[in-house]
Protein backbone atom coordinates (compact mmCIF):
# COMPACT_ATOMS: atom_id res chain seq x y z
CA MET A 1 -0.17 -0.08 0.02
CA ILE A 2 2.76 2.31 0.98
CA SER A 3 4.57 1.51 -2.24
CA LEU A 4 1.35 2.58 -4.22
CA LEU A 5 1.36 5.98 -2.51
CA LEU A 6 4.92 6.70 -3.47
CA ILE A 7 4.35 6.29 -6.99
CA PRO A 8 2.80 9.84 -8.06
CA ALA A 9 5.78 11.32 -6.13
CA SER A 10 8.11 9.15 -7.90
CA LEU A 11 6.80 10.07 -11.39
CA LEU A 12 6.84 13.66 -10.45
CA ILE A 13 10.55 13.44 -9.53
CA PHE A 14 11.19 11.47 -12.58
CA LEU A 15 9.58 13.97 -14.88
CA VAL A 16 11.27 16.90 -13.16
CA PHE A 17 14.68 15.63 -12.52
CA GLY A 18 15.06 12.10 -14.22
CA MET A 19 14.13 13.57 -17.90
CA PRO A 20 16.13 16.42 -17.78
CA LEU A 21 19.21 14.47 -16.55
CA ILE A 22 18.71 11.70 -19.27
CA ARG A 23 18.52 14.42 -22.15
CA TYR A 24 21.56 16.09 -20.55
CA VAL A 25 23.31 12.62 -20.67
CA TRP A 26 22.20 12.03 -24.20
CA LEU A 27 23.07 15.50 -25.58
CA SER A 28 26.71 15.41 -23.65
CA PHE A 29 27.49 12.57 -26.42
CA HIS A 30 26.63 14.81 -29.23
CA ALA A 31 27.76 17.97 -30.96
CA SER A 32 24.88 20.67 -30.84
CA SER A 33 26.02 24.14 -32.12
CA VAL A 34 25.74 26.73 -34.52
CA ILE A 35 28.48 24.89 -36.58
CA THR A 36 26.13 21.98 -36.61
CA GLY A 37 22.84 23.88 -37.41
CA LEU A 38 21.66 23.02 -33.65
CA ILE A 39 21.21 19.60 -35.11
CA PRO A 40 22.64 16.97 -32.52
CA ILE A 41 25.17 15.03 -34.15
CA PRO A 42 27.16 12.10 -32.37
CA ASN A 43 30.67 12.61 -31.83
CA ASN A 44 31.85 9.49 -29.96
CA GLY A 45 32.56 11.27 -26.46
CA GLY A 46 34.41 14.47 -28.15
CA ASN A 47 32.67 16.87 -25.62
CA TRP A 48 33.93 14.89 -22.85
CA ILE A 49 37.71 14.70 -24.12
CA ARG A 50 37.29 18.49 -24.48
CA LEU A 51 36.09 18.91 -20.92
CA ILE A 52 39.08 16.97 -19.40
CA ASN A 53 41.47 19.43 -21.30
CA ASP A 54 39.46 22.43 -20.85
CA LEU A 55 41.62 24.64 -18.29
CA ARG A 56 38.72 27.02 -17.77
CA PHE A 57 36.38 24.38 -16.70
CA TRP A 58 38.98 23.14 -14.02
CA GLN A 59 39.83 26.65 -12.95
CA ASP A 60 35.85 27.05 -12.61
CA THR A 61 35.85 24.05 -10.97
CA ILE A 62 38.54 25.07 -8.29
CA GLN A 63 36.77 28.29 -7.78
CA THR A 64 33.34 26.46 -7.33
CA ILE A 65 34.70 24.25 -4.83
CA ARG A 66 36.37 27.07 -2.76
CA PHE A 67 33.24 29.03 -2.63
CA SER A 68 31.04 26.17 -1.39
CA PHE A 69 33.53 24.69 1.16
CA VAL A 70 34.29 28.33 2.77
CA SER A 71 30.55 29.34 2.56
CA VAL A 72 28.88 26.04 3.69
CA THR A 73 31.77 25.83 6.47
CA ILE A 74 30.79 29.43 7.75
CA GLU A 75 26.99 28.69 7.38
CA ILE A 76 27.38 25.75 9.36
CA VAL A 77 29.18 27.38 12.30
CA LEU A 78 26.99 30.49 12.30
CA ALA A 79 23.75 28.58 12.01
CA LEU A 80 24.41 26.27 14.98
CA PHE A 81 24.92 29.51 17.26
CA ILE A 82 21.68 31.26 15.80
CA ALA A 83 19.76 27.86 15.99
CA LEU A 84 20.72 27.61 19.74
CA ILE A 85 19.86 31.32 20.61
CA LEU A 86 16.42 30.52 18.74
CA ASP A 87 15.82 27.52 20.63
CA GLN A 88 15.62 29.60 24.09
CA SER A 89 12.29 30.32 25.37
CA CYS A 90 11.49 33.79 25.50
CA LYS A 91 8.70 36.30 24.86
CA GLY A 92 8.30 37.30 21.21
CA ARG A 93 10.40 34.19 19.97
CA GLY A 94 8.00 33.59 17.08
CA VAL A 95 8.57 37.28 15.88
CA VAL A 96 12.37 36.77 16.31
CA ARG A 97 12.25 33.35 14.24
CA SER A 98 10.39 35.04 11.72
CA LEU A 99 12.44 37.89 11.25
CA THR A 100 15.65 35.76 11.12
CA LEU A 101 14.38 34.14 8.02
CA LEU A 102 13.84 37.42 6.17
CA PRO A 103 17.35 37.27 4.52
CA TRP A 104 16.60 33.72 3.16
CA ALA A 105 13.26 34.65 2.10
CA LEU A 106 14.36 37.78 -0.06
CA PRO A 107 14.81 36.92 -3.95
CA THR A 108 18.61 36.36 -4.81
CA THR A 109 18.67 38.94 -7.23
CA ILE A 110 17.50 41.56 -5.25
CA MET A 111 19.97 40.97 -2.39
CA ALA A 112 22.79 40.43 -4.95
CA LEU A 113 22.01 43.84 -6.19
CA GLY A 114 21.90 45.21 -2.72
CA TRP A 115 25.37 43.47 -1.80
CA ARG A 116 26.74 44.95 -5.13
CA TRP A 117 26.03 48.23 -3.95
CA ILE A 118 27.56 47.80 -0.61
CA PHE A 119 30.65 46.66 -2.11
CA ASN A 120 30.43 49.43 -5.02
CA THR A 121 33.60 51.78 -5.49
CA PRO A 122 33.50 54.46 -4.90
CA TYR A 123 29.82 54.99 -3.64
CA GLY A 124 29.20 51.79 -1.69
CA PRO A 125 29.17 52.22 2.21
CA ILE A 126 32.09 50.37 2.69
CA ASP A 127 34.48 52.51 0.68
CA GLN A 128 32.91 55.51 1.93
CA LEU A 129 33.70 54.32 5.49
CA LEU A 130 37.53 53.69 4.15
CA ASN A 131 37.74 56.85 2.58
CA HIS A 132 36.48 58.42 5.85
CA LEU A 133 39.19 56.73 7.91
CA ASN A 134 41.83 57.85 5.33
CA ILE A 135 42.40 54.01 4.52
CA GLY A 136 41.75 54.43 0.83
CA SER A 137 39.52 52.37 -1.64
CA LEU A 138 40.13 48.49 -1.72
CA ASN A 139 38.25 48.27 -4.89
CA ILE A 140 36.61 44.98 -3.54
CA LEU A 141 34.63 44.04 -6.71
CA SER A 142 37.75 44.77 -9.12
CA SER A 143 39.95 42.71 -7.28
CA PRO A 144 40.53 39.13 -7.89
CA ASN A 145 41.40 38.31 -4.28
CA LEU A 146 38.73 40.01 -2.68
CA THR A 147 35.65 39.57 -4.99
CA TRP A 148 35.21 36.20 -4.35
CA ILE A 149 35.32 36.74 -0.59
CA ALA A 150 32.38 39.51 -0.96
CA THR A 151 30.19 36.76 -3.05
CA VAL A 152 30.99 34.31 -0.15
CA ILE A 153 29.86 36.89 2.45
CA ALA A 154 26.65 37.85 0.49
CA ASP A 155 26.04 33.93 0.19
CA VAL A 156 26.25 33.60 3.93
CA TRP A 157 24.10 36.44 4.73
CA LYS A 158 21.32 34.84 2.77
CA THR A 159 21.43 31.14 3.13
CA THR A 160 22.69 30.92 6.85
CA PRO A 161 18.91 31.16 8.24
CA PHE A 162 18.03 28.46 5.81
CA VAL A 163 20.62 26.12 7.59
CA ALA A 164 19.63 27.47 10.93
CA LEU A 165 16.02 26.37 10.46
CA ILE A 166 17.29 22.99 9.79
CA LEU A 167 19.52 22.87 12.73
CA LEU A 168 16.15 24.37 15.10
CA ALA A 169 14.03 21.83 13.68
CA GLY A 170 16.85 19.03 15.17
CA LEU A 171 17.03 20.97 18.32
CA GLN A 172 13.37 20.65 18.91
CA THR A 173 13.94 16.72 18.79
CA ILE A 174 16.28 16.38 21.50
CA PRO A 175 14.57 15.77 24.94
CA GLU A 176 14.98 18.34 27.64
CA ASP A 177 15.41 15.36 30.23
CA LEU A 178 19.10 14.65 28.70
CA TYR A 179 20.36 18.12 29.45
CA GLU A 180 18.65 17.87 33.12
CA ALA A 181 20.17 14.53 33.86
CA PHE A 182 23.56 15.86 32.56
CA ARG A 183 23.48 18.90 34.64
CA LEU A 184 22.83 16.80 37.67
CA GLU A 185 26.01 14.78 36.86
CA GLY A 186 27.89 17.86 36.96
CA GLY A 187 28.42 18.59 33.28
CA THR A 188 28.98 22.42 31.81
CA PRO A 189 26.93 23.73 29.03
CA ILE A 190 30.15 23.52 26.71
CA GLN A 191 30.08 19.63 27.65
CA ALA A 192 26.39 19.57 26.88
CA LEU A 193 26.83 21.05 23.51
CA THR A 194 29.66 18.78 22.64
CA LYS A 195 28.57 15.52 23.93
CA ILE A 196 24.68 15.72 23.69
CA THR A 197 23.64 18.50 21.34
CA ILE A 198 26.36 18.29 18.15
CA PRO A 199 26.24 14.26 18.28
CA LEU A 200 22.36 14.25 18.27
CA LEU A 201 22.25 16.94 15.32
CA LYS A 202 24.38 14.80 12.94
CA PRO A 203 21.57 13.95 10.96
CA TYR A 204 20.50 17.56 10.59
CA ILE A 205 24.08 18.99 10.17
CA PHE A 206 24.58 16.52 7.18
CA LEU A 207 21.13 17.50 5.89
CA GLY A 208 21.99 21.10 6.11
CA ILE A 209 25.32 20.28 4.36
CA LEU A 210 23.87 18.36 1.58
CA PHE A 211 21.47 21.12 0.72
CA ARG A 212 23.66 24.02 0.91
CA MET A 213 26.48 22.11 -0.97
CA ALA A 214 23.93 21.54 -3.79
CA GLN A 215 22.75 24.99 -3.91
CA ALA A 216 26.39 26.20 -3.75
CA PHE A 217 27.66 24.07 -6.54
CA GLY A 218 24.94 25.41 -8.87
CA VAL A 219 25.42 28.85 -7.88
CA PHE A 220 24.56 31.24 -10.77
CA ASP A 221 22.35 34.41 -10.16
CA LEU A 222 24.54 35.41 -7.08
CA ILE A 223 27.66 35.74 -9.34
CA GLN A 224 25.72 36.68 -12.29
CA VAL A 225 24.43 39.78 -10.75
CA MET A 226 27.22 40.58 -8.12
CA THR A 227 30.37 40.20 -10.39
CA GLY A 228 29.29 38.62 -13.81
CA GLY A 229 32.12 36.16 -13.28
CA GLY A 230 34.64 38.51 -13.13
CA PRO A 231 37.14 39.96 -12.85
CA ALA A 232 39.33 37.94 -14.80
CA SER A 233 36.94 35.00 -14.40
CA SER A 234 38.02 34.81 -10.78
CA THR A 235 34.44 34.14 -9.53
CA GLU A 236 33.05 32.23 -12.52
CA SER A 237 31.24 29.03 -11.35
CA ILE A 238 30.65 25.67 -13.33
CA ALA A 239 26.97 26.94 -13.70
CA MET A 240 28.26 30.14 -15.08
CA TYR A 241 30.55 28.55 -17.44
CA ALA A 242 27.66 26.21 -18.87
CA TYR A 243 25.25 29.43 -19.35
CA ILE A 244 28.00 30.80 -21.35
CA ASN A 245 28.51 27.98 -23.70
CA ALA A 246 24.73 27.41 -23.97
CA MET A 247 23.66 31.28 -24.35
CA ARG A 248 26.46 32.96 -25.54
CA PHE A 249 28.18 30.43 -27.82
CA LEU A 250 25.12 28.27 -28.59
CA ASP A 251 26.97 25.22 -27.96
CA PHE A 252 24.44 23.11 -26.21
CA GLY A 253 26.32 19.74 -26.30
CA TYR A 254 29.44 21.02 -24.52
CA SER A 255 27.14 23.02 -21.98
CA ALA A 256 25.29 19.58 -20.98
CA THR A 257 28.65 18.19 -20.74
CA VAL A 258 29.80 20.98 -18.52
CA MET A 259 26.61 20.68 -16.15
CA LEU A 260 27.11 17.11 -16.06
CA GLY A 261 30.84 17.36 -15.23
CA GLY A 262 29.82 19.75 -12.16
CA PHE A 263 26.90 17.15 -11.14
CA ILE A 264 29.67 14.35 -11.02
CA LEU A 265 31.70 16.56 -8.74
CA LEU A 266 28.71 17.39 -6.67
CA ILE A 267 28.02 13.62 -5.93
CA ILE A 268 31.86 13.25 -5.10
CA SER A 269 31.68 16.32 -2.74
CA SER A 270 28.48 15.20 -1.15
CA PHE A 271 29.83 11.87 -0.28
CA THR A 272 33.12 13.08 0.73
CA CYS A 273 31.13 15.31 3.45
CA PHE A 274 29.01 12.55 4.47
CA ILE A 275 32.29 10.42 5.15
CA LEU A 276 33.85 13.25 7.29
CA VAL A 277 30.77 14.21 9.03
CA TYR A 278 29.84 10.62 10.17
CA HIS A 279 33.79 9.66 10.67
CA SER A 280 34.48 12.94 12.78
CA THR A 281 31.22 12.15 14.87
CA ASN A 282 32.16 8.69 15.42
CA VAL A 283 35.64 9.74 16.56
CA GLN A 284 34.29 12.12 18.86
CA GLU A 285 31.81 9.50 20.62
CA LYS A 286 34.74 6.84 21.09
CA ILE A 287 36.85 9.78 22.70
CA THR A 288 33.97 10.88 25.19
CA SER A 289 32.82 7.17 25.75
């Protein structure tokens, strides 16, 4: 009976996710560009050979991994502290929780435009403050070493509330009796955090990492609005590179290959995160036991 109830959802997932994925796989083994008149022609894996030797793709891969790793790590740490604060009983807790979710609820394009103005040179508030302090302009959005940090800050500001909501849901499942018994045994709040809260939040932490890794790996609108992939392609992501190949160069076969390459890397990264989270938690449990 349960399996029959899962059929509509399974069909919907297949239509939304499975069929486009099959189409991308098929298209990645065909040349489909203005040269072929946008007619798919089998090229015996030529797109994949090109992808392996494409230095720009690997540069964008490194940039995407760096962006994803830094932003997701910061978001998990900040979200844990925010979730612990929101879990406390106080007046107006519902209002505070709602206000906390506002950055996540804002459209990414509007949020990115706001951060682009904040980091703008010479009219942004950061640049104005630095000039007022006689420090001088940093030219944040014109420096390859600073621009990617600006995109990380914007991404962390927007998506940390989402991760905090996941961890808050996990905190609601932890019985208060565990903390009371731990306090009676002489445990400190820090010990309760490391020996009770974090181990029991392990599935929710992994869920937050999984969701955010998938979103960060596919980041496009934030980069497109804030930097356009510049300067000198220093913030260009895999998704943006696929977009450029499809919409600017009309090379749909290679664009599909780039997207699949990023998808494969996302699976590897997610599996690596799964191993690291569970391995670190198991080691901690052995040490504390």
